[in-house]
Amino acid sequence: MLSSLLYIPEIIATLWLLDVRPIEVKQDNYTRYLIQDSCVVEVLEYADSALVVQTVCAPICSSRARVYNKDNKLVRDIEPSCGGIFPYAWIENGILYWRDNTDQMLDEHERKPSL
């Protein structure tokens, strides 16, 4: 299995150099790094690649999902299945999920009506 450390984005590596340690939760081929309640990085490792989801909350959460190969090279960005300005992604039970967080920045008069 590949080392999760290969896929830690540059910002987390920089934080480690500054002695800010993320909280790491590891389960099988899944690792979650939590940095001061505002940044989460999830890594789902496969034999030859890894899915990496980066989420930053400031104050609205927005995510990026990418796939890297075993040489730590970006294979592709994964676009959200939902539209919106603030896509939010997470990995649950080995599946990538998306939702649109755009409504969180709107007041009650600006939000789309629920169906």
N, C-alpha and C. Protein backbone atom coordinates (compact mmCIF):
# COMPACT_ATOMS: atom_id res chain seq x y z
N MET A 1 0.84 -1.18 0.00
CA MET A 1 0.00 0.00 0.00
C MET A 1 0.88 1.24 0.00
N LEU A 2 0.40 2.28 -0.65
CA LEU A 2 1.15 3.52 -0.74
C LEU A 2 1.09 4.28 0.56
N SER A 3 2.08 5.08 0.81
CA SER A 3 2.10 5.89 2.02
C SER A 3 1.22 7.12 1.85
N SER A 4 0.34 7.37 2.81
CA SER A 4 -0.53 8.56 2.76
C SER A 4 0.27 9.84 2.69
N LEU A 5 1.47 9.81 3.25
CA LEU A 5 2.28 11.03 3.27
C LEU A 5 2.63 11.52 1.88
N LEU A 6 2.63 10.63 0.89
CA LEU A 6 2.91 11.06 -0.47
C LEU A 6 1.84 12.03 -0.97
N TYR A 7 0.63 11.90 -0.46
CA TYR A 7 -0.48 12.64 -1.01
C TYR A 7 -0.88 13.85 -0.18
N ILE A 8 -0.17 14.12 0.89
CA ILE A 8 -0.50 15.30 1.68
C ILE A 8 -0.18 16.53 0.85
N PRO A 9 -1.18 17.38 0.63
CA PRO A 9 -0.93 18.59 -0.17
C PRO A 9 0.14 19.48 0.46
N GLU A 10 0.68 20.34 -0.34
CA GLU A 10 1.79 21.20 0.08
C GLU A 10 1.46 22.02 1.32
N ILE A 11 0.23 22.48 1.44
CA ILE A 11 -0.13 23.30 2.60
C ILE A 11 0.02 22.52 3.90
N ILE A 12 -0.32 21.24 3.89
CA ILE A 12 -0.18 20.44 5.10
C ILE A 12 1.30 20.18 5.39
N ALA A 13 2.06 19.91 4.35
CA ALA A 13 3.50 19.71 4.54
C ALA A 13 4.14 20.97 5.14
N THR A 14 3.70 22.14 4.67
CA THR A 14 4.21 23.40 5.23
C THR A 14 3.83 23.55 6.69
N LEU A 15 2.60 23.20 7.04
CA LEU A 15 2.17 23.26 8.44
C LEU A 15 3.01 22.35 9.32
N TRP A 16 3.37 21.18 8.80
CA TRP A 16 4.23 20.27 9.57
C TRP A 16 5.58 20.93 9.83
N LEU A 17 6.11 21.63 8.82
CA LEU A 17 7.39 22.31 9.01
C LEU A 17 7.28 23.41 10.06
N LEU A 18 6.09 24.03 10.17
CA LEU A 18 5.86 25.06 11.17
C LEU A 18 5.44 24.48 12.52
N ASP A 19 5.53 23.17 12.65
CA ASP A 19 5.22 22.44 13.88
C ASP A 19 3.73 22.48 14.24
N VAL A 20 2.85 22.64 13.25
CA VAL A 20 1.42 22.50 13.45
C VAL A 20 1.06 21.09 13.00
N ARG A 21 0.66 20.24 13.94
CA ARG A 21 0.40 18.83 13.62
C ARG A 21 -1.09 18.57 13.43
N PRO A 22 -1.45 18.05 12.27
CA PRO A 22 -2.86 17.70 12.07
C PRO A 22 -3.23 16.47 12.89
N ILE A 23 -4.51 16.35 13.17
CA ILE A 23 -5.01 15.13 13.81
C ILE A 23 -5.22 14.12 12.70
N GLU A 24 -4.65 12.95 12.85
CA GLU A 24 -4.73 11.92 11.82
C GLU A 24 -5.59 10.77 12.31
N VAL A 25 -6.57 10.40 11.48
CA VAL A 25 -7.41 9.24 11.75
C VAL A 25 -7.23 8.29 10.59
N LYS A 26 -6.79 7.07 10.88
CA LYS A 26 -6.51 6.10 9.82
C LYS A 26 -7.35 4.85 10.03
N GLN A 27 -7.94 4.37 8.94
CA GLN A 27 -8.70 3.13 8.98
C GLN A 27 -8.52 2.41 7.65
N ASP A 28 -7.83 1.30 7.67
CA ASP A 28 -7.52 0.53 6.47
C ASP A 28 -6.83 1.41 5.44
N ASN A 29 -7.45 1.60 4.27
CA ASN A 29 -6.82 2.40 3.21
C ASN A 29 -7.33 3.84 3.19
N TYR A 30 -7.97 4.28 4.27
CA TYR A 30 -8.52 5.64 4.37
C TYR A 30 -7.83 6.39 5.50
N THR A 31 -7.42 7.64 5.21
CA THR A 31 -6.81 8.49 6.23
C THR A 31 -7.46 9.87 6.14
N ARG A 32 -7.75 10.43 7.32
CA ARG A 32 -8.35 11.77 7.41
C ARG A 32 -7.43 12.62 8.26
N TYR A 33 -7.05 13.79 7.75
CA TYR A 33 -6.23 14.75 8.47
C TYR A 33 -7.08 15.97 8.79
N LEU A 34 -7.16 16.34 10.05
CA LEU A 34 -7.92 17.51 10.48
C LEU A 34 -6.94 18.55 11.00
N ILE A 35 -7.03 19.76 10.44
CA ILE A 35 -6.14 20.84 10.84
C ILE A 35 -6.98 21.98 11.40
N GLN A 36 -6.95 22.16 12.69
CA GLN A 36 -7.58 23.29 13.38
C GLN A 36 -9.02 23.57 12.94
N ASP A 37 -9.82 22.56 12.78
CA ASP A 37 -11.25 22.68 12.45
C ASP A 37 -11.56 23.45 11.18
N SER A 38 -10.56 23.86 10.42
CA SER A 38 -10.85 24.64 9.22
C SER A 38 -10.37 23.98 7.94
N CYS A 39 -9.59 22.94 8.06
CA CYS A 39 -9.06 22.26 6.88
C CYS A 39 -9.07 20.76 7.14
N VAL A 40 -9.62 20.02 6.18
CA VAL A 40 -9.66 18.56 6.27
C VAL A 40 -9.12 18.00 4.96
N VAL A 41 -8.26 17.01 5.06
CA VAL A 41 -7.78 16.29 3.89
C VAL A 41 -8.09 14.82 4.11
N GLU A 42 -8.78 14.22 3.12
CA GLU A 42 -9.10 12.81 3.18
C GLU A 42 -8.35 12.11 2.05
N VAL A 43 -7.78 10.96 2.35
CA VAL A 43 -7.01 10.19 1.38
C VAL A 43 -7.54 8.77 1.36
N LEU A 44 -7.98 8.32 0.19
CA LEU A 44 -8.41 6.94 0.01
C LEU A 44 -7.42 6.29 -0.94
N GLU A 45 -6.64 5.34 -0.42
CA GLU A 45 -5.56 4.74 -1.20
C GLU A 45 -6.01 3.48 -1.90
N TYR A 46 -5.54 3.32 -3.13
CA TYR A 46 -5.72 2.11 -3.91
C TYR A 46 -4.33 1.55 -4.18
N ALA A 47 -4.23 0.41 -4.81
CA ALA A 47 -2.93 -0.22 -5.07
C ALA A 47 -2.03 0.66 -5.94
N ASP A 48 -2.62 1.39 -6.89
CA ASP A 48 -1.81 2.17 -7.83
C ASP A 48 -2.12 3.65 -7.85
N SER A 49 -3.03 4.11 -6.98
CA SER A 49 -3.41 5.52 -7.00
C SER A 49 -4.06 5.91 -5.67
N ALA A 50 -4.43 7.18 -5.55
CA ALA A 50 -5.11 7.65 -4.35
C ALA A 50 -6.08 8.76 -4.72
N LEU A 51 -7.23 8.74 -4.08
CA LEU A 51 -8.20 9.81 -4.18
C LEU A 51 -7.96 10.74 -3.01
N VAL A 52 -7.77 12.04 -3.29
CA VAL A 52 -7.50 13.03 -2.25
C VAL A 52 -8.57 14.10 -2.30
N VAL A 53 -9.25 14.33 -1.17
CA VAL A 53 -10.26 15.37 -1.06
C VAL A 53 -9.75 16.40 -0.07
N GLN A 54 -9.62 17.65 -0.51
CA GLN A 54 -9.21 18.76 0.34
C GLN A 54 -10.43 19.65 0.59
N THR A 55 -10.71 19.94 1.85
CA THR A 55 -11.83 20.81 2.20
C THR A 55 -11.32 21.91 3.11
N VAL A 56 -11.65 23.15 2.76
CA VAL A 56 -11.29 24.31 3.56
C VAL A 56 -12.57 25.02 3.93
N CYS A 57 -12.69 25.40 5.20
CA CYS A 57 -13.87 26.11 5.69
C CYS A 57 -13.45 27.48 6.21
N ALA A 58 -13.95 28.53 5.55
CA ALA A 58 -13.54 29.88 5.96
C ALA A 58 -14.57 30.93 5.58
N PRO A 59 -15.72 31.04 6.10
CA PRO A 59 -16.42 30.13 7.00
C PRO A 59 -17.21 29.05 6.28
N ILE A 60 -17.44 29.20 4.96
CA ILE A 60 -18.19 28.20 4.20
C ILE A 60 -17.22 27.15 3.67
N CYS A 61 -17.60 25.89 3.78
CA CYS A 61 -16.72 24.80 3.35
C CYS A 61 -16.80 24.61 1.83
N SER A 62 -15.64 24.40 1.23
CA SER A 62 -15.53 24.13 -0.19
C SER A 62 -14.44 23.09 -0.39
N SER A 63 -14.64 22.20 -1.36
CA SER A 63 -13.73 21.06 -1.52
C SER A 63 -13.19 20.95 -2.94
N ARG A 64 -12.06 20.24 -3.03
CA ARG A 64 -11.47 19.80 -4.30
C ARG A 64 -11.20 18.32 -4.17
N ALA A 65 -11.42 17.59 -5.24
CA ALA A 65 -11.12 16.16 -5.26
C ALA A 65 -10.19 15.89 -6.43
N ARG A 66 -9.14 15.11 -6.16
CA ARG A 66 -8.14 14.80 -7.19
C ARG A 66 -7.71 13.35 -7.06
N VAL A 67 -7.22 12.81 -8.16
CA VAL A 67 -6.65 11.46 -8.17
C VAL A 67 -5.17 11.60 -8.52
N TYR A 68 -4.33 10.94 -7.72
CA TYR A 68 -2.88 10.91 -7.95
C TYR A 68 -2.45 9.48 -8.23
N ASN A 69 -1.43 9.32 -9.07
CA ASN A 69 -0.89 7.97 -9.31
C ASN A 69 0.16 7.64 -8.24
N LYS A 70 0.75 6.46 -8.34
CA LYS A 70 1.70 6.02 -7.31
C LYS A 70 2.98 6.83 -7.29
N ASP A 71 3.23 7.60 -8.35
CA ASP A 71 4.40 8.48 -8.41
C ASP A 71 4.08 9.89 -7.93
N ASN A 72 2.92 10.06 -7.28
CA ASN A 72 2.47 11.35 -6.74
C ASN A 72 2.23 12.38 -7.83
N LYS A 73 1.89 11.93 -9.03
CA LYS A 73 1.56 12.82 -10.14
C LYS A 73 0.04 12.94 -10.24
N LEU A 74 -0.43 14.15 -10.46
CA LEU A 74 -1.86 14.38 -10.61
C LEU A 74 -2.36 13.68 -11.87
N VAL A 75 -3.36 12.82 -11.71
CA VAL A 75 -3.97 12.13 -12.85
C VAL A 75 -5.15 12.94 -13.36
N ARG A 76 -6.00 13.41 -12.43
CA ARG A 76 -7.12 14.25 -12.85
C ARG A 76 -7.80 14.91 -11.67
N ASP A 77 -8.44 16.04 -11.96
CA ASP A 77 -9.34 16.68 -11.03
C ASP A 77 -10.71 16.04 -11.22
N ILE A 78 -11.44 15.87 -10.15
CA ILE A 78 -12.79 15.33 -10.24
C ILE A 78 -13.77 16.47 -10.03
N GLU A 79 -14.61 16.68 -11.01
CA GLU A 79 -15.60 17.75 -10.94
C GLU A 79 -16.80 17.29 -10.12
N PRO A 80 -17.42 18.21 -9.38
CA PRO A 80 -18.58 17.83 -8.58
C PRO A 80 -19.78 17.47 -9.46
N SER A 81 -20.59 16.57 -8.94
CA SER A 81 -21.80 16.20 -9.67
C SER A 81 -22.89 17.25 -9.49
N CYS A 82 -22.70 18.14 -8.52
CA CYS A 82 -23.66 19.22 -8.29
C CYS A 82 -23.05 20.53 -8.78
N GLY A 83 -23.88 21.51 -9.07
CA GLY A 83 -23.39 22.81 -9.48
C GLY A 83 -23.10 23.66 -8.26
N GLY A 84 -22.91 24.94 -8.47
CA GLY A 84 -22.72 25.84 -7.35
C GLY A 84 -21.31 26.37 -7.25
N ILE A 85 -21.16 27.38 -6.41
CA ILE A 85 -19.87 28.04 -6.22
C ILE A 85 -19.02 27.32 -5.18
N PHE A 86 -19.68 26.74 -4.17
CA PHE A 86 -18.97 26.09 -3.07
C PHE A 86 -19.30 24.60 -3.01
N PRO A 87 -18.69 23.79 -3.89
CA PRO A 87 -18.94 22.35 -3.82
C PRO A 87 -18.26 21.75 -2.59
N TYR A 88 -18.94 20.85 -1.93
CA TYR A 88 -18.41 20.20 -0.73
C TYR A 88 -18.37 18.70 -0.98
N ALA A 89 -17.21 18.09 -0.71
CA ALA A 89 -17.03 16.66 -0.95
C ALA A 89 -16.54 15.97 0.31
N TRP A 90 -16.86 14.68 0.40
CA TRP A 90 -16.33 13.84 1.47
C TRP A 90 -16.34 12.40 1.01
N ILE A 91 -15.52 11.59 1.67
CA ILE A 91 -15.43 10.17 1.38
C ILE A 91 -16.09 9.42 2.53
N GLU A 92 -17.02 8.55 2.17
CA GLU A 92 -17.70 7.74 3.19
C GLU A 92 -17.82 6.31 2.67
N ASN A 93 -17.29 5.37 3.45
CA ASN A 93 -17.32 3.95 3.06
C ASN A 93 -16.77 3.72 1.66
N GLY A 94 -15.70 4.42 1.32
CA GLY A 94 -15.03 4.24 0.04
C GLY A 94 -15.71 4.92 -1.14
N ILE A 95 -16.72 5.75 -0.88
CA ILE A 95 -17.45 6.42 -1.96
C ILE A 95 -17.29 7.94 -1.81
N LEU A 96 -17.08 8.62 -2.94
CA LEU A 96 -16.96 10.07 -2.97
C LEU A 96 -18.35 10.67 -3.11
N TYR A 97 -18.70 11.56 -2.19
CA TYR A 97 -19.99 12.25 -2.22
C TYR A 97 -19.77 13.75 -2.41
N TRP A 98 -20.72 14.42 -3.06
CA TRP A 98 -20.68 15.86 -3.27
C TRP A 98 -22.01 16.47 -2.83
N ARG A 99 -21.95 17.71 -2.36
CA ARG A 99 -23.15 18.52 -2.17
C ARG A 99 -22.78 19.97 -2.43
N ASP A 100 -23.80 20.78 -2.69
CA ASP A 100 -23.59 22.20 -2.98
C ASP A 100 -23.78 22.99 -1.69
N ASN A 101 -22.73 23.69 -1.24
CA ASN A 101 -22.80 24.51 -0.03
C ASN A 101 -23.09 25.98 -0.33
N THR A 102 -23.40 26.32 -1.57
CA THR A 102 -23.59 27.71 -1.96
C THR A 102 -24.69 28.38 -1.15
N ASP A 103 -25.79 27.67 -0.87
CA ASP A 103 -26.91 28.26 -0.14
C ASP A 103 -26.51 28.74 1.25
N GLN A 104 -25.45 28.22 1.81
CA GLN A 104 -25.03 28.63 3.15
C GLN A 104 -24.59 30.09 3.20
N MET A 105 -24.18 30.65 2.07
CA MET A 105 -23.73 32.05 2.09
C MET A 105 -24.87 33.02 1.78
N LEU A 106 -26.05 32.50 1.42
CA LEU A 106 -27.17 33.35 1.06
C LEU A 106 -28.10 33.55 2.25
N ASP A 107 -28.77 34.69 2.28
CA ASP A 107 -29.76 34.87 3.34
C ASP A 107 -31.07 34.19 2.91
N GLU A 108 -32.07 34.15 3.78
CA GLU A 108 -33.28 33.39 3.52
C GLU A 108 -34.04 33.87 2.28
N HIS A 109 -33.90 35.13 1.89
CA HIS A 109 -34.60 35.66 0.71
C HIS A 109 -33.88 35.31 -0.58
N GLU A 110 -32.59 35.01 -0.51
CA GLU A 110 -31.80 34.70 -1.71
C GLU A 110 -31.79 33.21 -2.04
N ARG A 111 -32.09 32.37 -1.07
CA ARG A 111 -32.03 30.92 -1.28
C ARG A 111 -33.10 30.44 -2.24
N LYS A 112 -32.75 29.35 -2.94
CA LYS A 112 -33.72 28.74 -3.84
C LYS A 112 -34.82 28.09 -3.00
N PRO A 113 -36.06 28.17 -3.45
CA PRO A 113 -37.11 27.51 -2.68
C PRO A 113 -36.96 25.99 -2.75
N SER A 114 -37.28 25.32 -1.65
CA SER A 114 -37.21 23.86 -1.60
C SER A 114 -38.37 23.27 -2.37
N LEU A 115 -38.13 22.15 -3.00
CA LEU A 115 -39.20 21.45 -3.73
C LEU A 115 -39.89 20.46 -2.85
